[in-house]
Amino acid sequence: MSGRENASRQVAGRKGMLLTVESIIAVSIILIASVIFLGGAKYNPERDIRSDGYRVLEYLDNSGTLRIYAMSNDTQSIKTALKPVLNYDFDVSICSECQEPYLPSGTAVSAVEYHIAGDRDNFSPRKIVLYMWR
């Protein structure tokens, strides 16, 4: 092997290594910039309250009890079923055209709407509104 061939291989090897290092630096810069500019998801307690409320209403509906209580406009039974599993103060309305119930002033209130079409035998739409606050 001549000295010239050996020198050109060393130059090519250095260029390859330099390209690899440049690529790693570029990817690192892009990742750091995306974390800085896009940021992480901000914690939103209202969103957590609403998702908790919806999941509990969905669970009651899947178990069959929510539909029975809603069809008979029995808000007290829904409240009794929700009390052990919700860690918030809450109120429940069942209606087709809901009126806002008395809610505490000076407090952020979250509302979750859950709609049912009726039961197996009749079509009688109901809207269950769960109001929650801390």
N, C-alpha and C. Protein backbone atom coordinates (compact mmCIF):
# COMPACT_ATOMS: atom_id res chain seq x y z
N MET A 1 0.84 -1.15 0.00
CA MET A 1 0.00 0.00 0.00
C MET A 1 0.89 1.23 0.00
N SER A 2 0.55 2.15 -0.81
CA SER A 2 1.38 3.35 -0.90
C SER A 2 0.98 4.34 0.19
N GLY A 3 1.81 5.28 0.42
CA GLY A 3 1.55 6.29 1.44
C GLY A 3 0.37 7.16 1.09
N ARG A 4 0.21 7.37 -0.24
CA ARG A 4 -0.89 8.21 -0.69
C ARG A 4 -2.25 7.53 -0.41
N GLU A 5 -2.36 6.23 -0.67
CA GLU A 5 -3.60 5.48 -0.42
C GLU A 5 -3.91 5.45 1.07
N ASN A 6 -2.90 5.24 1.87
CA ASN A 6 -3.07 5.20 3.32
C ASN A 6 -3.54 6.55 3.84
N ALA A 7 -2.99 7.62 3.33
CA ALA A 7 -3.37 8.96 3.76
C ALA A 7 -4.81 9.26 3.34
N SER A 8 -5.22 8.82 2.13
CA SER A 8 -6.59 9.09 1.70
C SER A 8 -7.60 8.29 2.53
N ARG A 9 -7.22 7.07 2.97
CA ARG A 9 -8.08 6.29 3.84
C ARG A 9 -8.24 6.96 5.20
N GLN A 10 -7.15 7.51 5.72
CA GLN A 10 -7.22 8.19 7.01
C GLN A 10 -8.11 9.43 6.91
N VAL A 11 -8.01 10.16 5.81
CA VAL A 11 -8.84 11.36 5.61
C VAL A 11 -10.31 10.95 5.49
N ALA A 12 -10.60 9.88 4.76
CA ALA A 12 -11.97 9.39 4.61
C ALA A 12 -12.51 8.92 5.95
N GLY A 13 -11.68 8.25 6.75
CA GLY A 13 -12.10 7.79 8.07
C GLY A 13 -12.41 8.96 8.99
N ARG A 14 -11.58 10.00 8.91
CA ARG A 14 -11.83 11.18 9.74
C ARG A 14 -13.11 11.89 9.31
N LYS A 15 -13.34 11.96 8.01
CA LYS A 15 -14.57 12.59 7.51
C LYS A 15 -15.81 11.82 7.96
N GLY A 16 -15.71 10.50 7.91
CA GLY A 16 -16.83 9.67 8.36
C GLY A 16 -17.12 9.85 9.84
N MET A 17 -16.04 9.90 10.65
CA MET A 17 -16.21 10.10 12.07
C MET A 17 -16.76 11.50 12.34
N LEU A 18 -16.31 12.48 11.61
CA LEU A 18 -16.79 13.84 11.78
C LEU A 18 -18.28 13.93 11.42
N LEU A 19 -18.68 13.27 10.36
CA LEU A 19 -20.10 13.25 9.98
C LEU A 19 -20.95 12.59 11.06
N THR A 20 -20.45 11.53 11.66
CA THR A 20 -21.17 10.85 12.73
C THR A 20 -21.33 11.77 13.93
N VAL A 21 -20.27 12.43 14.33
CA VAL A 21 -20.32 13.35 15.47
C VAL A 21 -21.27 14.51 15.17
N GLU A 22 -21.23 15.04 13.95
CA GLU A 22 -22.13 16.13 13.57
C GLU A 22 -23.59 15.67 13.63
N SER A 23 -23.83 14.45 13.20
CA SER A 23 -25.20 13.93 13.23
C SER A 23 -25.70 13.79 14.66
N ILE A 24 -24.86 13.29 15.54
CA ILE A 24 -25.24 13.14 16.95
C ILE A 24 -25.53 14.49 17.56
N ILE A 25 -24.71 15.48 17.27
CA ILE A 25 -24.92 16.83 17.80
C ILE A 25 -26.22 17.41 17.26
N ALA A 26 -26.50 17.23 15.96
CA ALA A 26 -27.72 17.76 15.36
C ALA A 26 -28.97 17.14 15.99
N VAL A 27 -28.95 15.84 16.16
CA VAL A 27 -30.09 15.16 16.78
C VAL A 27 -30.28 15.64 18.22
N SER A 28 -29.18 15.81 18.94
CA SER A 28 -29.27 16.29 20.32
C SER A 28 -29.87 17.69 20.37
N ILE A 29 -29.46 18.56 19.48
CA ILE A 29 -29.99 19.92 19.45
C ILE A 29 -31.49 19.90 19.14
N ILE A 30 -31.90 19.07 18.19
CA ILE A 30 -33.31 18.98 17.84
C ILE A 30 -34.13 18.48 19.02
N LEU A 31 -33.65 17.46 19.71
CA LEU A 31 -34.38 16.93 20.86
C LEU A 31 -34.49 17.96 21.98
N ILE A 32 -33.39 18.64 22.27
CA ILE A 32 -33.40 19.64 23.33
C ILE A 32 -34.33 20.79 22.97
N ALA A 33 -34.28 21.24 21.72
CA ALA A 33 -35.16 22.33 21.28
C ALA A 33 -36.63 21.92 21.35
N SER A 34 -36.93 20.69 20.96
CA SER A 34 -38.34 20.26 21.01
C SER A 34 -38.84 20.17 22.44
N VAL A 35 -38.01 19.74 23.37
CA VAL A 35 -38.42 19.69 24.77
C VAL A 35 -38.63 21.09 25.32
N ILE A 36 -37.74 22.01 24.97
CA ILE A 36 -37.84 23.38 25.47
C ILE A 36 -39.06 24.08 24.88
N PHE A 37 -39.24 24.02 23.57
CA PHE A 37 -40.32 24.76 22.92
C PHE A 37 -41.68 24.09 23.06
N LEU A 38 -41.73 22.82 22.96
CA LEU A 38 -43.02 22.14 23.08
C LEU A 38 -43.40 21.91 24.53
N GLY A 39 -42.43 21.72 25.36
CA GLY A 39 -42.66 21.54 26.79
C GLY A 39 -43.43 20.27 27.09
N GLY A 40 -43.48 19.96 28.34
CA GLY A 40 -44.25 18.80 28.77
C GLY A 40 -45.72 19.17 28.92
N ALA A 41 -46.56 18.19 29.08
CA ALA A 41 -47.98 18.44 29.28
C ALA A 41 -48.17 19.11 30.63
N LYS A 42 -48.93 20.16 30.64
CA LYS A 42 -49.19 20.89 31.87
C LYS A 42 -50.27 20.16 32.65
N TYR A 43 -50.12 20.10 33.94
CA TYR A 43 -51.10 19.45 34.81
C TYR A 43 -52.34 20.32 34.90
N ASN A 44 -53.47 19.74 34.64
CA ASN A 44 -54.74 20.45 34.69
C ASN A 44 -55.68 19.70 35.62
N PRO A 45 -55.85 20.17 36.87
CA PRO A 45 -56.69 19.43 37.81
C PRO A 45 -58.15 19.35 37.37
N GLU A 46 -58.65 20.34 36.64
CA GLU A 46 -60.03 20.30 36.16
C GLU A 46 -60.23 19.13 35.20
N ARG A 47 -59.23 18.89 34.39
CA ARG A 47 -59.31 17.77 33.45
C ARG A 47 -59.36 16.44 34.19
N ASP A 48 -58.58 16.33 35.26
CA ASP A 48 -58.58 15.11 36.07
C ASP A 48 -59.93 14.89 36.74
N ILE A 49 -60.53 15.96 37.24
CA ILE A 49 -61.83 15.85 37.89
C ILE A 49 -62.87 15.37 36.88
N ARG A 50 -62.88 15.96 35.70
CA ARG A 50 -63.85 15.58 34.68
C ARG A 50 -63.65 14.14 34.23
N SER A 51 -62.41 13.73 34.03
CA SER A 51 -62.18 12.36 33.58
C SER A 51 -62.56 11.36 34.67
N ASP A 52 -62.31 11.69 35.93
CA ASP A 52 -62.74 10.82 37.03
C ASP A 52 -64.27 10.69 37.04
N GLY A 53 -64.94 11.82 36.91
CA GLY A 53 -66.40 11.80 36.92
C GLY A 53 -66.97 11.00 35.77
N TYR A 54 -66.40 11.19 34.59
CA TYR A 54 -66.91 10.44 33.43
C TYR A 54 -66.69 8.94 33.60
N ARG A 55 -65.51 8.57 34.07
CA ARG A 55 -65.22 7.14 34.25
C ARG A 55 -66.17 6.49 35.26
N VAL A 56 -66.50 7.21 36.33
CA VAL A 56 -67.41 6.65 37.33
C VAL A 56 -68.81 6.51 36.75
N LEU A 57 -69.28 7.53 36.01
CA LEU A 57 -70.60 7.41 35.39
C LEU A 57 -70.63 6.28 34.36
N GLU A 58 -69.56 6.15 33.60
CA GLU A 58 -69.48 5.07 32.61
C GLU A 58 -69.50 3.70 33.30
N TYR A 59 -68.79 3.59 34.41
CA TYR A 59 -68.79 2.33 35.16
C TYR A 59 -70.19 1.98 35.64
N LEU A 60 -70.89 2.98 36.20
CA LEU A 60 -72.26 2.74 36.67
C LEU A 60 -73.18 2.35 35.51
N ASP A 61 -72.97 2.97 34.35
CA ASP A 61 -73.78 2.63 33.19
C ASP A 61 -73.49 1.21 32.73
N ASN A 62 -72.23 0.83 32.69
CA ASN A 62 -71.87 -0.53 32.27
C ASN A 62 -72.39 -1.59 33.24
N SER A 63 -72.50 -1.21 34.50
CA SER A 63 -73.04 -2.17 35.47
C SER A 63 -74.57 -2.22 35.43
N GLY A 64 -75.20 -1.28 34.72
CA GLY A 64 -76.65 -1.28 34.56
C GLY A 64 -77.39 -0.42 35.55
N THR A 65 -76.73 0.05 36.59
CA THR A 65 -77.44 0.81 37.62
C THR A 65 -77.74 2.25 37.21
N LEU A 66 -76.85 2.90 36.50
CA LEU A 66 -77.07 4.29 36.12
C LEU A 66 -78.31 4.42 35.24
N ARG A 67 -78.47 3.53 34.31
CA ARG A 67 -79.60 3.57 33.39
C ARG A 67 -80.93 3.39 34.16
N ILE A 68 -80.95 2.49 35.10
CA ILE A 68 -82.16 2.26 35.90
C ILE A 68 -82.51 3.51 36.71
N TYR A 69 -81.51 4.07 37.40
CA TYR A 69 -81.73 5.27 38.21
C TYR A 69 -82.14 6.46 37.34
N ALA A 70 -81.50 6.62 36.19
CA ALA A 70 -81.81 7.75 35.32
C ALA A 70 -83.22 7.65 34.74
N MET A 71 -83.63 6.46 34.36
CA MET A 71 -84.96 6.29 33.79
C MET A 71 -86.05 6.56 34.81
N SER A 72 -85.76 6.36 36.09
CA SER A 72 -86.74 6.66 37.14
C SER A 72 -86.47 8.02 37.80
N ASN A 73 -85.56 8.82 37.21
CA ASN A 73 -85.20 10.15 37.73
C ASN A 73 -84.80 10.11 39.21
N ASP A 74 -84.06 9.10 39.58
CA ASP A 74 -83.65 8.89 40.97
C ASP A 74 -82.23 9.42 41.20
N THR A 75 -82.12 10.73 41.41
CA THR A 75 -80.80 11.33 41.63
C THR A 75 -80.19 10.90 42.95
N GLN A 76 -81.03 10.66 43.95
CA GLN A 76 -80.51 10.28 45.26
C GLN A 76 -79.76 8.95 45.19
N SER A 77 -80.26 7.99 44.43
CA SER A 77 -79.57 6.70 44.30
C SER A 77 -78.25 6.86 43.56
N ILE A 78 -78.22 7.74 42.58
CA ILE A 78 -76.96 8.00 41.86
C ILE A 78 -75.96 8.62 42.82
N LYS A 79 -76.39 9.58 43.62
CA LYS A 79 -75.50 10.21 44.60
C LYS A 79 -74.97 9.19 45.60
N THR A 80 -75.84 8.29 46.03
CA THR A 80 -75.42 7.26 46.98
C THR A 80 -74.39 6.33 46.35
N ALA A 81 -74.56 6.01 45.06
CA ALA A 81 -73.60 5.14 44.37
C ALA A 81 -72.27 5.85 44.13
N LEU A 82 -72.31 7.17 43.93
CA LEU A 82 -71.09 7.93 43.65
C LEU A 82 -70.30 8.30 44.90
N LYS A 83 -70.98 8.46 46.00
CA LYS A 83 -70.32 8.95 47.23
C LYS A 83 -69.08 8.16 47.63
N PRO A 84 -69.09 6.81 47.63
CA PRO A 84 -67.89 6.09 48.06
C PRO A 84 -66.72 6.17 47.09
N VAL A 85 -66.97 6.52 45.83
CA VAL A 85 -65.88 6.46 44.85
C VAL A 85 -65.37 7.82 44.39
N LEU A 86 -66.11 8.89 44.64
CA LEU A 86 -65.66 10.23 44.26
C LEU A 86 -65.09 10.95 45.48
N ASN A 87 -63.93 11.53 45.32
CA ASN A 87 -63.29 12.26 46.42
C ASN A 87 -63.56 13.75 46.32
N TYR A 88 -64.65 14.14 45.69
CA TYR A 88 -65.00 15.54 45.48
C TYR A 88 -66.40 15.78 46.02
N ASP A 89 -66.71 17.04 46.27
CA ASP A 89 -68.10 17.40 46.53
C ASP A 89 -68.79 17.39 45.18
N PHE A 90 -70.05 16.99 45.14
CA PHE A 90 -70.72 16.89 43.84
C PHE A 90 -72.23 17.01 43.98
N ASP A 91 -72.86 17.24 42.86
CA ASP A 91 -74.31 17.23 42.75
C ASP A 91 -74.65 16.59 41.41
N VAL A 92 -75.84 16.04 41.30
CA VAL A 92 -76.24 15.33 40.09
C VAL A 92 -77.60 15.85 39.63
N SER A 93 -77.75 16.01 38.32
CA SER A 93 -79.03 16.36 37.72
C SER A 93 -79.35 15.34 36.64
N ILE A 94 -80.61 14.98 36.54
CA ILE A 94 -81.09 14.12 35.46
C ILE A 94 -82.17 14.90 34.74
N CYS A 95 -82.04 15.04 33.44
CA CYS A 95 -83.01 15.85 32.73
C CYS A 95 -82.90 15.65 31.22
N SER A 96 -83.87 16.24 30.53
CA SER A 96 -83.74 16.36 29.08
C SER A 96 -83.36 17.80 28.75
N GLU A 97 -83.85 18.75 29.52
CA GLU A 97 -83.43 20.15 29.45
C GLU A 97 -83.02 20.56 30.86
N CYS A 98 -81.75 20.54 31.15
CA CYS A 98 -81.28 20.73 32.53
C CYS A 98 -81.30 22.19 32.95
N GLN A 99 -81.70 22.38 34.19
CA GLN A 99 -81.55 23.66 34.87
C GLN A 99 -80.34 23.52 35.78
N GLU A 100 -79.52 24.55 35.84
CA GLU A 100 -78.34 24.48 36.69
C GLU A 100 -78.76 24.46 38.16
N PRO A 101 -78.29 23.49 38.92
CA PRO A 101 -78.67 23.44 40.34
C PRO A 101 -77.91 24.50 41.13
N TYR A 102 -78.24 24.60 42.40
CA TYR A 102 -77.49 25.50 43.27
C TYR A 102 -76.08 24.97 43.39
N LEU A 103 -75.12 25.81 43.04
CA LEU A 103 -73.71 25.43 43.11
C LEU A 103 -72.98 26.42 43.99
N PRO A 104 -71.91 26.01 44.63
CA PRO A 104 -71.18 26.93 45.51
C PRO A 104 -70.54 28.07 44.71
N SER A 105 -70.56 29.25 45.29
CA SER A 105 -69.93 30.39 44.63
C SER A 105 -68.48 30.49 45.08
N GLY A 106 -67.66 31.08 44.23
CA GLY A 106 -66.25 31.25 44.56
C GLY A 106 -65.43 29.98 44.43
N THR A 107 -65.98 28.96 43.79
CA THR A 107 -65.30 27.69 43.62
C THR A 107 -65.39 27.28 42.16
N ALA A 108 -64.31 26.71 41.65
CA ALA A 108 -64.33 26.20 40.28
C ALA A 108 -65.15 24.91 40.26
N VAL A 109 -66.17 24.89 39.41
CA VAL A 109 -67.06 23.73 39.31
C VAL A 109 -66.85 23.10 37.94
N SER A 110 -66.64 21.80 37.93
CA SER A 110 -66.52 21.05 36.68
C SER A 110 -67.80 20.27 36.47
N ALA A 111 -68.22 20.19 35.22
CA ALA A 111 -69.44 19.45 34.91
C ALA A 111 -69.14 18.38 33.87
N VAL A 112 -69.71 17.21 34.08
CA VAL A 112 -69.60 16.10 33.14
C VAL A 112 -71.00 15.72 32.72
N GLU A 113 -71.23 15.66 31.41
CA GLU A 113 -72.52 15.23 30.89
C GLU A 113 -72.41 13.81 30.38
N TYR A 114 -73.40 13.00 30.74
CA TYR A 114 -73.44 11.61 30.28
C TYR A 114 -74.84 11.39 29.73
N HIS A 115 -74.92 10.98 28.49
CA HIS A 115 -76.21 10.82 27.82
C HIS A 115 -76.57 9.36 27.67
N ILE A 116 -77.84 9.06 27.92
CA ILE A 116 -78.35 7.72 27.65
C ILE A 116 -79.61 7.87 26.79
N ALA A 117 -79.88 6.90 25.97
CA ALA A 117 -81.02 6.96 25.06
C ALA A 117 -82.27 6.36 25.67
N GLY A 118 -82.16 5.64 26.73
CA GLY A 118 -83.30 4.98 27.35
C GLY A 118 -82.87 3.60 27.79
N ASP A 119 -83.84 2.72 27.90
CA ASP A 119 -83.50 1.34 28.22
C ASP A 119 -83.94 0.46 27.06
N ARG A 120 -83.94 -0.83 27.28
CA ARG A 120 -84.22 -1.77 26.19
C ARG A 120 -85.62 -1.62 25.61
N ASP A 121 -86.57 -1.26 26.46
CA ASP A 121 -87.96 -1.26 26.03
C ASP A 121 -88.48 0.08 25.51
N ASN A 122 -87.85 1.18 25.90
CA ASN A 122 -88.37 2.46 25.42
C ASN A 122 -87.25 3.45 25.17
N PHE A 123 -87.53 4.34 24.22
CA PHE A 123 -86.60 5.41 23.88
C PHE A 123 -87.01 6.64 24.67
N SER A 124 -86.23 6.99 25.64
CA SER A 124 -86.51 8.14 26.48
C SER A 124 -85.17 8.76 26.88
N PRO A 125 -84.63 9.61 26.02
CA PRO A 125 -83.29 10.16 26.27
C PRO A 125 -83.21 10.92 27.58
N ARG A 126 -82.09 10.74 28.24
CA ARG A 126 -81.81 11.44 29.49
C ARG A 126 -80.37 11.95 29.45
N LYS A 127 -80.20 13.08 30.09
CA LYS A 127 -78.85 13.63 30.27
C LYS A 127 -78.57 13.66 31.76
N ILE A 128 -77.49 12.99 32.14
CA ILE A 128 -77.06 13.00 33.53
C ILE A 128 -75.89 13.97 33.61
N VAL A 129 -76.05 14.99 34.45
CA VAL A 129 -74.99 15.98 34.61
C VAL A 129 -74.43 15.84 36.01
N LEU A 130 -73.13 15.62 36.08
CA LEU A 130 -72.43 15.48 37.35
C LEU A 130 -71.59 16.74 37.55
N TYR A 131 -71.96 17.53 38.55
CA TYR A 131 -71.21 18.74 38.90
C TYR A 131 -70.27 18.40 40.05
N MET A 132 -68.98 18.75 39.88
CA MET A 132 -67.98 18.42 40.92
C MET A 132 -67.14 19.63 41.25
N TRP A 133 -66.75 19.72 42.50
CA TRP A 133 -65.86 20.79 42.95
C TRP A 133 -65.09 20.30 44.16
N ARG A 134 -64.03 21.03 44.48
CA ARG A 134 -63.19 20.67 45.64
C ARG A 134 -63.43 21.61 46.78
